[in-house]
Amino acid sequence: QVQLVESGGGLVQAGGSLTLSCVASGRSFSTDTMGWFRQAPGKEREFVAAIGWTGGAKYYADSVKGRFTISRDNAAKNTVFLQMNSLRPEDTAVYYCAVAMEAFTTSHRAMGAKGIYDYWGQGTQVTVSS
């Protein structure tokens, strides 16, 4: 059974940093795409960032470009990280890890499509105070 477990959320002041982690288990994820989405109260779940199986293909939402960095472990390829810098109050949301059984070797906007993701975590809360 596939399981995704996020950690690292919390409360931080505007301008601060947090790093989220997500560990996937239950099958091999060596060629899968891993991503992060977020959902604020009353809003749709939106794409944040995604990374391909080699780690070379990365795709970001415009709202986080230059502030957030996605990475994944090179060995087991079952852990994905999201380094979040220069956090803003509008980044407040529940952040979800997701896995898509599609391999991307180059950055492509399809990596941001919610519909390609097959597995989802339970989410971790990030709150940015002003």
Foldseek 3Di string as FASTA:
>chain_A
DKAKDKDWADEEAAQAKIKMKIFIDDDQQQQKKKFKWWDDPPDDIFGAKIAFNQRAAIDGDPVQPPFKDKGADRPRRGMIMIIGGRDDQVVWTWMKMFIAPDGDPYYDCVRGDPVRTDDMHPTDTHGYHD
